[in-house]
């Protein structure tokens, strides 16, 4: 069940959903808009031949951060992939799921705001990292403070037994800046990384 505008307003007013950011909120019939933050992260193409989950240096140390000055745009080049972030920090209760979707007005310019991660778990608290791509053949200017995505709230059948804030591997809880992949923290990769380090130092 997707929350209606009146239920979204009630959830915020009651404190079930916490939104820290610009007010008044842009709430629509079944969603609300969030705004683009000023920080962006870009992968450095020249440092590594590829991004390798088994070699976390290829992505954990392979990004640069750019911050837009007030009023300046961030230009997304054709075919480019960058990480952005919402201005708003959102805190989700244990019995709701949040879905992140693009705005159709930006989609018609060729801008995609999430590749796959359009899902925010119950118990999550933080800003939302946006996986921004430009499918157009022309560069597109994005301005911090503009409405960049929309979120919808779905009621779960019951509160989560293990919400995100109680999960052993909640890698992005409390994030503020756009966060690059922490895939190396996944158990299957973390164990292998530890084993390699032990082998190198002769433990």
N, C-alpha and C. Protein backbone atom coordinates (compact mmCIF):
# COMPACT_ATOMS: atom_id res chain seq x y z
N UNK A 1 0.84 -1.19 0.00
CA UNK A 1 0.00 0.00 0.00
C UNK A 1 0.88 1.25 0.00
N UNK A 2 0.65 2.13 -0.96
CA UNK A 2 1.41 3.38 -1.06
C UNK A 2 0.67 4.48 -0.30
N UNK A 3 1.42 5.23 0.50
CA UNK A 3 0.79 6.29 1.28
C UNK A 3 0.34 7.44 0.37
N UNK A 4 -0.85 7.96 0.66
CA UNK A 4 -1.38 9.11 -0.06
C UNK A 4 -0.77 10.39 0.50
N UNK A 5 -1.07 11.51 -0.14
CA UNK A 5 -0.55 12.79 0.33
C UNK A 5 -0.95 13.07 1.77
N UNK A 6 -2.21 12.76 2.11
CA UNK A 6 -2.65 13.04 3.49
C UNK A 6 -1.93 12.14 4.49
N UNK A 7 -1.63 10.89 4.08
CA UNK A 7 -0.92 9.98 4.99
C UNK A 7 0.55 10.35 5.12
N UNK A 8 1.15 10.85 4.03
CA UNK A 8 2.54 11.33 4.10
C UNK A 8 2.63 12.50 5.07
N UNK A 9 1.70 13.44 4.93
CA UNK A 9 1.69 14.61 5.82
C UNK A 9 1.49 14.19 7.27
N UNK A 10 0.59 13.22 7.49
CA UNK A 10 0.33 12.75 8.86
C UNK A 10 1.56 12.05 9.43
N UNK A 11 2.25 11.23 8.62
CA UNK A 11 3.44 10.51 9.10
C UNK A 11 4.55 11.48 9.49
N UNK A 12 4.68 12.58 8.73
CA UNK A 12 5.69 13.60 9.06
C UNK A 12 5.28 14.37 10.31
N UNK A 13 4.00 14.74 10.37
CA UNK A 13 3.50 15.50 11.52
C UNK A 13 3.62 14.70 12.82
N UNK A 14 3.40 13.39 12.75
CA UNK A 14 3.46 12.53 13.93
C UNK A 14 4.90 12.16 14.29
N UNK A 15 5.85 12.43 13.40
CA UNK A 15 7.25 12.09 13.66
C UNK A 15 7.63 10.68 13.27
N UNK A 16 6.70 9.95 12.65
CA UNK A 16 7.05 8.60 12.18
C UNK A 16 8.10 8.67 11.08
N UNK A 17 7.89 9.61 10.16
CA UNK A 17 8.87 9.89 9.11
C UNK A 17 9.50 11.23 9.43
N UNK A 18 10.83 11.28 9.41
CA UNK A 18 11.52 12.54 9.69
C UNK A 18 12.22 13.02 8.42
N UNK A 19 11.93 14.24 8.03
CA UNK A 19 12.56 14.86 6.86
C UNK A 19 13.24 16.13 7.33
N UNK A 20 14.56 16.17 7.21
CA UNK A 20 15.32 17.38 7.56
C UNK A 20 15.76 18.05 6.28
N UNK A 21 15.18 19.22 5.99
CA UNK A 21 15.51 19.90 4.75
C UNK A 21 14.57 21.05 4.48
N UNK A 22 14.49 21.43 3.21
CA UNK A 22 13.71 22.59 2.81
C UNK A 22 12.23 22.42 3.12
N UNK A 23 11.66 23.47 3.65
CA UNK A 23 10.20 23.51 3.84
C UNK A 23 9.68 24.77 3.17
N UNK A 24 8.43 24.78 2.66
CA UNK A 24 7.46 23.70 2.75
C UNK A 24 7.84 22.53 1.85
N UNK A 25 7.44 21.32 2.25
CA UNK A 25 7.73 20.13 1.46
C UNK A 25 6.84 20.10 0.22
N UNK A 26 7.40 19.56 -0.87
CA UNK A 26 6.64 19.39 -2.11
C UNK A 26 6.01 18.00 -2.10
N UNK A 27 4.79 17.92 -1.59
CA UNK A 27 4.10 16.64 -1.46
C UNK A 27 3.01 16.55 -2.52
N UNK A 28 3.03 15.45 -3.26
CA UNK A 28 2.05 15.22 -4.33
C UNK A 28 1.05 14.14 -3.89
N UNK A 29 0.21 13.71 -4.79
CA UNK A 29 -0.86 12.78 -4.44
C UNK A 29 -0.34 11.49 -3.81
N UNK A 30 0.82 11.00 -4.28
CA UNK A 30 1.34 9.73 -3.75
C UNK A 30 2.85 9.75 -3.56
N UNK A 31 3.46 10.95 -3.53
CA UNK A 31 4.92 11.02 -3.39
C UNK A 31 5.31 12.41 -2.91
N UNK A 32 6.59 12.59 -2.64
CA UNK A 32 7.10 13.93 -2.34
C UNK A 32 8.46 14.11 -3.02
N UNK A 33 8.74 15.34 -3.41
CA UNK A 33 9.98 15.64 -4.11
C UNK A 33 11.10 15.93 -3.12
N UNK A 34 12.34 15.56 -3.51
CA UNK A 34 13.53 15.91 -2.75
C UNK A 34 14.44 16.75 -3.64
N UNK A 35 15.34 17.50 -3.01
CA UNK A 35 16.17 18.46 -3.71
C UNK A 35 17.62 17.98 -3.84
N UNK A 36 18.29 18.47 -4.87
CA UNK A 36 19.67 18.08 -5.15
C UNK A 36 20.64 18.82 -4.23
N UNK A 37 21.57 18.08 -3.65
CA UNK A 37 22.61 18.67 -2.82
C UNK A 37 23.72 19.27 -3.67
N UNK A 38 24.73 19.83 -3.01
CA UNK A 38 25.79 20.55 -3.72
C UNK A 38 27.03 19.72 -3.98
N UNK A 39 27.08 18.49 -3.46
CA UNK A 39 28.28 17.66 -3.58
C UNK A 39 28.07 16.53 -4.59
N UNK A 40 29.13 16.26 -5.35
CA UNK A 40 29.10 15.20 -6.36
C UNK A 40 30.41 14.42 -6.29
N UNK A 41 30.34 13.14 -6.61
CA UNK A 41 31.54 12.32 -6.67
C UNK A 41 31.64 11.69 -8.06
N UNK A 42 32.85 11.72 -8.61
CA UNK A 42 33.10 11.19 -9.95
C UNK A 42 34.23 10.18 -9.88
N UNK A 43 34.09 9.09 -10.64
CA UNK A 43 35.16 8.10 -10.73
C UNK A 43 36.26 8.60 -11.66
N UNK A 44 37.50 8.39 -11.25
CA UNK A 44 38.66 8.77 -12.05
C UNK A 44 38.97 7.63 -13.04
N UNK A 45 38.78 7.90 -14.32
CA UNK A 45 38.92 6.83 -15.31
C UNK A 45 40.36 6.41 -15.54
N UNK A 46 41.30 7.30 -15.25
CA UNK A 46 42.69 7.04 -15.64
C UNK A 46 43.50 6.29 -14.59
N UNK A 47 42.98 6.15 -13.38
CA UNK A 47 43.79 5.56 -12.30
C UNK A 47 43.82 4.04 -12.35
N UNK A 48 42.68 3.42 -12.69
CA UNK A 48 42.59 1.97 -12.70
C UNK A 48 41.95 1.50 -14.00
N UNK A 49 42.31 0.28 -14.41
CA UNK A 49 41.76 -0.26 -15.65
C UNK A 49 40.30 -0.66 -15.51
N UNK A 50 39.88 -0.96 -14.28
CA UNK A 50 38.49 -1.36 -14.05
C UNK A 50 38.15 -1.19 -12.57
N UNK A 51 36.86 -1.28 -12.26
CA UNK A 51 36.39 -1.29 -10.88
C UNK A 51 36.19 -2.74 -10.47
N UNK A 52 36.94 -3.19 -9.46
CA UNK A 52 36.98 -4.60 -9.09
C UNK A 52 36.53 -4.77 -7.64
N UNK A 53 35.39 -5.43 -7.40
CA UNK A 53 34.90 -5.62 -6.03
C UNK A 53 35.90 -6.33 -5.12
N UNK A 54 36.80 -7.14 -5.70
CA UNK A 54 37.79 -7.84 -4.89
C UNK A 54 39.02 -6.98 -4.61
N UNK A 55 39.07 -5.81 -5.23
CA UNK A 55 40.17 -4.88 -5.00
C UNK A 55 39.56 -3.52 -4.68
N UNK A 56 39.21 -3.30 -3.41
CA UNK A 56 38.45 -2.09 -3.04
C UNK A 56 39.14 -0.78 -3.37
N UNK A 57 40.47 -0.80 -3.52
CA UNK A 57 41.16 0.43 -3.88
C UNK A 57 40.71 0.97 -5.22
N UNK A 58 40.24 0.09 -6.11
CA UNK A 58 39.86 0.53 -7.45
C UNK A 58 38.62 1.41 -7.44
N UNK A 59 37.84 1.37 -6.34
CA UNK A 59 36.69 2.27 -6.29
C UNK A 59 36.66 3.09 -5.01
N UNK A 60 37.19 2.56 -3.91
CA UNK A 60 37.16 3.30 -2.65
C UNK A 60 38.10 4.49 -2.67
N UNK A 61 39.19 4.41 -3.44
CA UNK A 61 40.15 5.52 -3.51
C UNK A 61 40.21 6.09 -4.92
N UNK A 62 39.16 5.86 -5.69
CA UNK A 62 39.19 6.21 -7.10
C UNK A 62 38.13 7.25 -7.45
N UNK A 63 37.75 8.06 -6.48
CA UNK A 63 36.74 9.09 -6.74
C UNK A 63 37.25 10.45 -6.28
N UNK A 64 36.77 11.47 -6.94
CA UNK A 64 37.05 12.83 -6.50
C UNK A 64 35.71 13.51 -6.20
N UNK A 65 35.73 14.42 -5.25
CA UNK A 65 34.53 15.14 -4.85
C UNK A 65 34.55 16.55 -5.42
N UNK A 66 33.44 16.96 -5.99
CA UNK A 66 33.29 18.33 -6.47
C UNK A 66 32.10 18.96 -5.76
N UNK A 67 32.28 20.20 -5.35
CA UNK A 67 31.21 20.93 -4.66
C UNK A 67 30.87 22.18 -5.46
N UNK A 68 29.60 22.33 -5.77
CA UNK A 68 29.17 23.49 -6.54
C UNK A 68 29.02 24.71 -5.64
N UNK A 69 29.46 25.84 -6.15
CA UNK A 69 29.21 27.10 -5.46
C UNK A 69 27.74 27.48 -5.65
N UNK A 70 27.23 28.29 -4.73
CA UNK A 70 25.83 28.69 -4.78
C UNK A 70 25.49 29.31 -6.14
N UNK A 71 24.46 28.78 -6.77
CA UNK A 71 24.00 29.32 -8.05
C UNK A 71 24.66 28.70 -9.26
N UNK A 72 25.77 27.97 -9.06
CA UNK A 72 26.47 27.36 -10.19
C UNK A 72 25.89 25.99 -10.51
N UNK A 73 25.87 25.61 -11.79
CA UNK A 73 25.36 24.29 -12.14
C UNK A 73 26.46 23.23 -12.09
N UNK A 74 26.04 21.99 -12.00
CA UNK A 74 26.94 20.86 -12.22
C UNK A 74 26.56 20.31 -13.59
N UNK A 75 27.53 20.23 -14.50
CA UNK A 75 27.25 19.80 -15.86
C UNK A 75 27.49 18.29 -15.97
N UNK A 76 26.45 17.55 -16.34
CA UNK A 76 26.57 16.11 -16.56
C UNK A 76 26.75 15.87 -18.05
N UNK A 77 27.91 15.36 -18.40
CA UNK A 77 28.23 15.15 -19.81
C UNK A 77 27.51 13.91 -20.37
N UNK A 78 27.31 13.86 -21.68
CA UNK A 78 26.66 12.68 -22.28
C UNK A 78 27.40 11.39 -21.91
N UNK A 79 26.66 10.40 -21.48
CA UNK A 79 27.24 9.11 -21.11
C UNK A 79 27.95 9.10 -19.77
N UNK A 80 27.96 10.22 -19.06
CA UNK A 80 28.68 10.30 -17.80
C UNK A 80 27.86 9.71 -16.65
N UNK A 81 28.58 9.16 -15.68
CA UNK A 81 27.96 8.62 -14.46
C UNK A 81 28.58 9.32 -13.27
N UNK A 82 27.74 9.94 -12.43
CA UNK A 82 28.23 10.63 -11.23
C UNK A 82 27.33 10.28 -10.06
N UNK A 83 27.86 10.43 -8.86
CA UNK A 83 27.08 10.25 -7.66
C UNK A 83 26.70 11.62 -7.11
N UNK A 84 25.40 11.82 -6.91
CA UNK A 84 24.91 13.03 -6.27
C UNK A 84 24.27 12.67 -4.95
N UNK A 85 23.62 13.65 -4.33
CA UNK A 85 23.03 13.41 -3.01
C UNK A 85 21.84 14.35 -2.83
N UNK A 86 20.89 13.93 -2.03
CA UNK A 86 19.76 14.80 -1.73
C UNK A 86 20.16 15.81 -0.65
N UNK A 87 19.54 16.98 -0.70
CA UNK A 87 19.72 17.93 0.40
C UNK A 87 19.10 17.40 1.68
N UNK A 88 17.99 16.72 1.52
CA UNK A 88 17.23 16.25 2.68
C UNK A 88 17.86 14.99 3.31
N UNK A 89 17.81 14.97 4.62
CA UNK A 89 18.10 13.74 5.36
C UNK A 89 16.75 13.14 5.73
N UNK A 90 16.61 11.85 5.50
CA UNK A 90 15.34 11.17 5.78
C UNK A 90 15.57 10.06 6.79
N UNK A 91 14.63 9.91 7.71
CA UNK A 91 14.66 8.81 8.67
C UNK A 91 13.37 8.02 8.50
N UNK A 92 13.53 6.72 8.21
CA UNK A 92 12.40 5.86 7.86
C UNK A 92 12.05 4.95 9.04
N UNK A 93 10.77 4.84 9.42
CA UNK A 93 10.41 3.96 10.53
C UNK A 93 10.53 2.49 10.14
N UNK A 94 10.37 1.61 11.12
CA UNK A 94 10.59 0.18 10.91
C UNK A 94 9.51 -0.50 10.07
N UNK A 95 8.41 0.20 9.80
CA UNK A 95 7.30 -0.44 9.08
C UNK A 95 6.99 0.21 7.74
N UNK A 96 7.92 1.04 7.25
CA UNK A 96 7.74 1.66 5.94
C UNK A 96 8.95 1.40 5.05
N UNK A 97 8.72 1.34 3.75
CA UNK A 97 9.77 1.26 2.74
C UNK A 97 9.64 2.50 1.87
N UNK A 98 10.76 3.07 1.47
CA UNK A 98 10.74 4.25 0.60
C UNK A 98 11.31 3.87 -0.76
N UNK A 99 10.61 4.27 -1.81
CA UNK A 99 11.09 4.05 -3.17
C UNK A 99 11.49 5.38 -3.79
N UNK A 100 12.67 5.41 -4.39
CA UNK A 100 13.19 6.62 -5.03
C UNK A 100 12.96 6.51 -6.53
N UNK A 101 12.36 7.53 -7.10
CA UNK A 101 12.09 7.56 -8.53
C UNK A 101 12.55 8.89 -9.11
N UNK A 102 12.81 8.89 -10.39
CA UNK A 102 13.18 10.13 -11.06
C UNK A 102 11.96 11.00 -11.31
N UNK A 103 12.22 12.25 -11.64
CA UNK A 103 11.16 13.16 -12.05
C UNK A 103 11.04 13.10 -13.56
N UNK A 104 9.80 13.04 -14.07
CA UNK A 104 9.61 12.90 -15.51
C UNK A 104 10.19 14.08 -16.28
N UNK A 105 10.16 15.27 -15.67
CA UNK A 105 10.69 16.44 -16.37
C UNK A 105 12.19 16.32 -16.62
N UNK A 106 12.92 15.70 -15.67
CA UNK A 106 14.35 15.47 -15.87
C UNK A 106 14.58 14.27 -16.78
N UNK A 107 13.71 13.27 -16.66
CA UNK A 107 13.83 12.10 -17.53
C UNK A 107 13.71 12.48 -18.99
N UNK A 108 12.92 13.49 -19.27
CA UNK A 108 12.75 13.93 -20.66
C UNK A 108 13.94 14.70 -21.18
N UNK A 109 14.87 15.04 -20.28
CA UNK A 109 16.16 15.61 -20.70
C UNK A 109 17.23 14.53 -20.81
N UNK A 110 16.87 13.29 -20.42
CA UNK A 110 17.82 12.17 -20.48
C UNK A 110 18.52 11.88 -19.18
N UNK A 111 18.07 12.52 -18.08
CA UNK A 111 18.73 12.34 -16.79
C UNK A 111 18.06 11.21 -16.00
N UNK A 112 18.86 10.22 -15.61
CA UNK A 112 18.43 9.12 -14.75
C UNK A 112 19.03 9.37 -13.37
N UNK A 113 18.24 9.25 -12.31
CA UNK A 113 18.76 9.56 -10.97
C UNK A 113 19.08 8.33 -10.15
N UNK A 114 18.69 7.15 -10.61
CA UNK A 114 19.15 5.93 -9.92
C UNK A 114 19.29 4.80 -10.93
N UNK A 115 20.41 4.07 -10.82
CA UNK A 115 20.66 2.96 -11.73
C UNK A 115 19.87 1.73 -11.28
N UNK A 116 20.06 1.36 -10.01
CA UNK A 116 19.33 0.21 -9.45
C UNK A 116 18.85 0.48 -8.03
N UNK A 117 19.54 1.39 -7.34
CA UNK A 117 19.31 1.55 -5.90
C UNK A 117 18.17 2.52 -5.62
N UNK A 118 16.97 2.16 -6.05
CA UNK A 118 15.82 3.01 -5.82
C UNK A 118 15.00 2.57 -4.62
N UNK A 119 15.65 1.99 -3.64
CA UNK A 119 14.96 1.34 -2.53
C UNK A 119 15.64 1.75 -1.22
N UNK A 120 14.87 2.31 -0.30
CA UNK A 120 15.40 2.73 1.01
C UNK A 120 14.76 1.85 2.09
N UNK A 121 15.58 1.15 2.83
CA UNK A 121 15.10 0.18 3.81
C UNK A 121 14.45 0.83 5.02
N UNK A 122 13.52 0.12 5.68
CA UNK A 122 13.02 0.58 6.97
C UNK A 122 14.17 0.68 7.97
N UNK A 123 14.17 1.74 8.78
CA UNK A 123 15.24 1.93 9.76
C UNK A 123 16.40 2.75 9.25
N UNK A 124 16.40 3.09 7.95
CA UNK A 124 17.50 3.89 7.40
C UNK A 124 17.38 5.34 7.84
N UNK A 125 18.52 5.99 8.07
CA UNK A 125 18.56 7.41 8.36
C UNK A 125 19.78 8.02 7.66
N UNK A 126 19.56 9.06 6.88
CA UNK A 126 20.65 9.72 6.19
C UNK A 126 20.16 10.39 4.93
N UNK A 127 21.08 10.99 4.21
CA UNK A 127 20.75 11.51 2.89
C UNK A 127 20.67 10.33 1.92
N UNK A 128 20.14 10.58 0.73
CA UNK A 128 20.02 9.53 -0.28
C UNK A 128 21.03 9.80 -1.38
N UNK A 129 21.91 8.83 -1.63
CA UNK A 129 22.85 8.95 -2.73
C UNK A 129 22.13 8.69 -4.04
N UNK A 130 22.36 9.55 -5.02
CA UNK A 130 21.72 9.45 -6.33
C UNK A 130 22.74 8.98 -7.36
N UNK A 131 22.37 7.99 -8.14
CA UNK A 131 23.24 7.44 -9.19
C UNK A 131 22.82 8.09 -10.50
N UNK A 132 23.47 9.20 -10.84
CA UNK A 132 23.01 10.06 -11.93
C UNK A 132 23.73 9.72 -13.23
N UNK A 133 22.94 9.51 -14.28
CA UNK A 133 23.48 9.26 -15.61
C UNK A 133 22.80 10.19 -16.61
N UNK A 134 23.53 10.53 -17.67
CA UNK A 134 22.98 11.35 -18.74
C UNK A 134 22.90 10.51 -20.00
N UNK A 135 21.67 10.18 -20.43
CA UNK A 135 21.46 9.38 -21.63
C UNK A 135 21.37 10.24 -22.89
N UNK A 136 21.38 11.55 -22.71
CA UNK A 136 21.25 12.46 -23.83
C UNK A 136 22.56 12.57 -24.60
N UNK A 137 22.50 13.13 -25.79
CA UNK A 137 23.71 13.40 -26.56
C UNK A 137 24.23 14.80 -26.29
N UNK A 138 23.54 15.54 -25.44
CA UNK A 138 23.95 16.88 -25.06
C UNK A 138 24.22 16.93 -23.56
N UNK A 139 25.14 17.77 -23.10
CA UNK A 139 25.33 17.95 -21.67
C UNK A 139 24.06 18.53 -21.04
N UNK A 140 23.85 18.21 -19.77
CA UNK A 140 22.69 18.71 -19.03
C UNK A 140 23.17 19.38 -17.74
N UNK A 141 22.67 20.58 -17.47
CA UNK A 141 23.04 21.31 -16.25
C UNK A 141 22.07 20.97 -15.13
N UNK A 142 22.62 20.58 -13.99
CA UNK A 142 21.82 20.33 -12.78
C UNK A 142 22.23 21.36 -11.73
N UNK A 143 21.24 21.92 -11.04
CA UNK A 143 21.51 22.97 -10.06
C UNK A 143 21.20 22.50 -8.65
N UNK A 144 22.16 22.60 -7.73
CA UNK A 144 21.86 22.30 -6.34
C UNK A 144 20.63 23.11 -5.88
N UNK A 145 19.75 22.44 -5.16
CA UNK A 145 18.53 23.08 -4.71
C UNK A 145 17.33 22.80 -5.58
N UNK A 146 17.57 22.30 -6.81
CA UNK A 146 16.44 21.98 -7.68
C UNK A 146 15.82 20.66 -7.22
N UNK A 147 14.54 20.47 -7.52
CA UNK A 147 13.90 19.20 -7.22
C UNK A 147 14.43 18.16 -8.21
N UNK A 148 15.00 17.07 -7.67
CA UNK A 148 15.73 16.14 -8.51
C UNK A 148 15.12 14.75 -8.54
N UNK A 149 14.37 14.37 -7.51
CA UNK A 149 13.78 13.03 -7.47
C UNK A 149 12.51 13.08 -6.64
N UNK A 150 11.77 11.98 -6.66
CA UNK A 150 10.59 11.87 -5.82
C UNK A 150 10.65 10.55 -5.06
N UNK A 151 10.05 10.55 -3.88
CA UNK A 151 10.02 9.33 -3.08
C UNK A 151 8.57 8.97 -2.76
N UNK A 152 8.30 7.68 -2.76
CA UNK A 152 6.98 7.15 -2.37
C UNK A 152 7.17 6.24 -1.17
N UNK A 153 6.19 6.22 -0.29
CA UNK A 153 6.25 5.44 0.95
C UNK A 153 5.29 4.26 0.84
N UNK A 154 5.78 3.08 1.15
CA UNK A 154 4.96 1.87 1.11
C UNK A 154 4.86 1.27 2.50
N UNK A 155 3.64 0.95 2.91
CA UNK A 155 3.39 0.33 4.21
C UNK A 155 3.73 -1.14 4.16
N UNK A 156 4.54 -1.63 5.09
CA UNK A 156 4.87 -3.04 5.17
C UNK A 156 3.79 -3.80 5.93
N UNK A 157 3.75 -5.12 5.76
CA UNK A 157 2.75 -5.94 6.44
C UNK A 157 2.95 -5.96 7.94
N UNK A 158 4.18 -5.75 8.39
CA UNK A 158 4.50 -5.65 9.81
C UNK A 158 5.86 -4.97 9.93
N UNK A 159 6.20 -4.45 11.11
CA UNK A 159 7.53 -3.84 11.28
C UNK A 159 8.64 -4.86 11.01
N UNK A 160 9.73 -4.40 10.44
CA UNK A 160 10.86 -5.28 10.13
C UNK A 160 11.46 -5.86 11.42
N UNK A 161 11.79 -7.12 11.38
CA UNK A 161 12.45 -7.76 12.53
C UNK A 161 13.86 -7.21 12.71
N UNK A 162 14.54 -6.97 11.58
CA UNK A 162 15.89 -6.40 11.62
C UNK A 162 15.93 -5.20 10.68
N UNK A 163 15.51 -4.02 11.14
CA UNK A 163 15.58 -2.83 10.29
C UNK A 163 17.02 -2.45 9.99
N UNK A 164 17.20 -1.55 9.06
CA UNK A 164 18.53 -1.21 8.55
C UNK A 164 19.47 -0.74 9.66
N UNK A 165 18.94 0.02 10.62
CA UNK A 165 19.79 0.55 11.69
C UNK A 165 20.25 -0.53 12.68
N UNK A 166 19.67 -1.74 12.58
CA UNK A 166 20.10 -2.84 13.45
C UNK A 166 20.79 -3.95 12.67
N UNK A 167 20.97 -3.72 11.37
CA UNK A 167 21.59 -4.71 10.51
C UNK A 167 23.10 -4.73 10.73
N UNK A 168 23.70 -5.90 10.66
CA UNK A 168 25.14 -6.02 10.91
C UNK A 168 25.97 -5.27 9.87
N UNK A 169 25.48 -5.20 8.63
CA UNK A 169 26.25 -4.56 7.56
C UNK A 169 25.47 -3.39 6.97
N UNK A 170 25.05 -2.46 7.83
CA UNK A 170 24.35 -1.25 7.36
C UNK A 170 25.40 -0.22 6.95
N UNK A 171 25.90 -0.36 5.73
CA UNK A 171 27.09 0.36 5.28
C UNK A 171 26.88 1.85 5.08
N UNK A 172 25.64 2.26 4.86
CA UNK A 172 25.40 3.66 4.48
C UNK A 172 24.57 4.43 5.50
N UNK A 173 24.36 3.84 6.66
CA UNK A 173 23.57 4.52 7.69
C UNK A 173 24.25 5.82 8.11
N UNK A 174 23.47 6.90 8.17
CA UNK A 174 23.98 8.18 8.62
C UNK A 174 24.78 8.95 7.58
N UNK A 175 24.76 8.50 6.32
CA UNK A 175 25.57 9.17 5.30
C UNK A 175 25.09 10.60 5.08
N UNK A 176 26.03 11.48 4.74
CA UNK A 176 25.74 12.89 4.48
C UNK A 176 26.12 13.24 3.05
N UNK A 177 27.37 12.94 2.67
CA UNK A 177 27.83 13.16 1.30
C UNK A 177 27.40 12.00 0.42
N UNK A 178 27.47 12.17 -0.91
CA UNK A 178 27.24 11.00 -1.76
C UNK A 178 28.30 9.96 -1.45
N UNK A 179 27.88 8.72 -1.28
CA UNK A 179 28.82 7.67 -0.87
C UNK A 179 29.09 6.72 -2.02
N UNK A 180 30.38 6.51 -2.30
CA UNK A 180 30.75 5.53 -3.30
C UNK A 180 30.47 4.12 -2.78
N UNK A 181 30.57 3.15 -3.65
CA UNK A 181 30.25 1.77 -3.29
C UNK A 181 31.11 1.27 -2.13
N UNK A 182 30.48 0.58 -1.21
CA UNK A 182 31.19 -0.10 -0.12
C UNK A 182 31.01 -1.60 -0.26
N UNK A 183 31.03 -2.04 -1.51
CA UNK A 183 30.84 -3.45 -1.81
C UNK A 183 31.87 -4.32 -1.12
N UNK A 184 33.05 -3.76 -0.87
CA UNK A 184 34.11 -4.54 -0.23
C UNK A 184 33.77 -4.90 1.21
N UNK A 185 32.71 -4.25 1.77
CA UNK A 185 32.28 -4.57 3.13
C UNK A 185 31.33 -5.75 3.17
N UNK A 186 30.83 -6.18 2.01
CA UNK A 186 29.96 -7.35 1.98
C UNK A 186 30.72 -8.56 2.52
N UNK A 187 30.05 -9.44 3.25
CA UNK A 187 30.76 -10.56 3.89
C UNK A 187 31.62 -11.37 2.93
N UNK A 188 31.10 -11.65 1.71
CA UNK A 188 31.85 -12.50 0.79
C UNK A 188 33.14 -11.85 0.32
N UNK A 189 33.16 -10.50 0.24
CA UNK A 189 34.37 -9.81 -0.18
C UNK A 189 35.25 -9.46 1.01
N UNK A 190 34.64 -9.12 2.14
CA UNK A 190 35.41 -8.75 3.34
C UNK A 190 36.26 -9.92 3.82
N UNK A 191 35.69 -11.13 3.80
CA UNK A 191 36.44 -12.31 4.25
C UNK A 191 37.64 -12.57 3.34
N UNK A 192 37.41 -12.40 2.04
CA UNK A 192 38.50 -12.65 1.09
C UNK A 192 39.59 -11.60 1.24
N UNK A 193 39.17 -10.34 1.49
CA UNK A 193 40.14 -9.26 1.68
C UNK A 193 41.00 -9.52 2.91
N UNK A 194 40.37 -9.96 4.01
CA UNK A 194 41.10 -10.27 5.24
C UNK A 194 42.08 -11.42 5.01
N UNK A 195 41.63 -12.43 4.26
CA UNK A 195 42.49 -13.57 3.97
C UNK A 195 43.71 -13.16 3.17
N UNK A 196 43.52 -12.24 2.20
CA UNK A 196 44.65 -11.78 1.39
C UNK A 196 45.65 -11.01 2.24
N UNK A 197 45.11 -10.14 3.15
CA UNK A 197 46.00 -9.36 4.01
C UNK A 197 46.81 -10.27 4.93
N UNK A 198 46.18 -11.31 5.48
CA UNK A 198 46.86 -12.24 6.36
C UNK A 198 47.97 -12.98 5.61
N UNK A 199 47.66 -13.32 4.34
CA UNK A 199 48.65 -14.03 3.52
C UNK A 199 49.86 -13.14 3.23
N UNK A 200 49.60 -11.86 2.99
CA UNK A 200 50.68 -10.92 2.66
C UNK A 200 51.61 -10.72 3.85
N UNK A 201 51.04 -10.57 5.04
CA UNK A 201 51.88 -10.30 6.21
C UNK A 201 52.34 -11.58 6.90
N UNK A 202 51.91 -12.75 6.37
CA UNK A 202 52.38 -14.02 6.90
C UNK A 202 51.76 -14.39 8.23
N UNK A 203 50.51 -13.96 8.46
CA UNK A 203 49.83 -14.32 9.71
C UNK A 203 49.37 -15.76 9.64
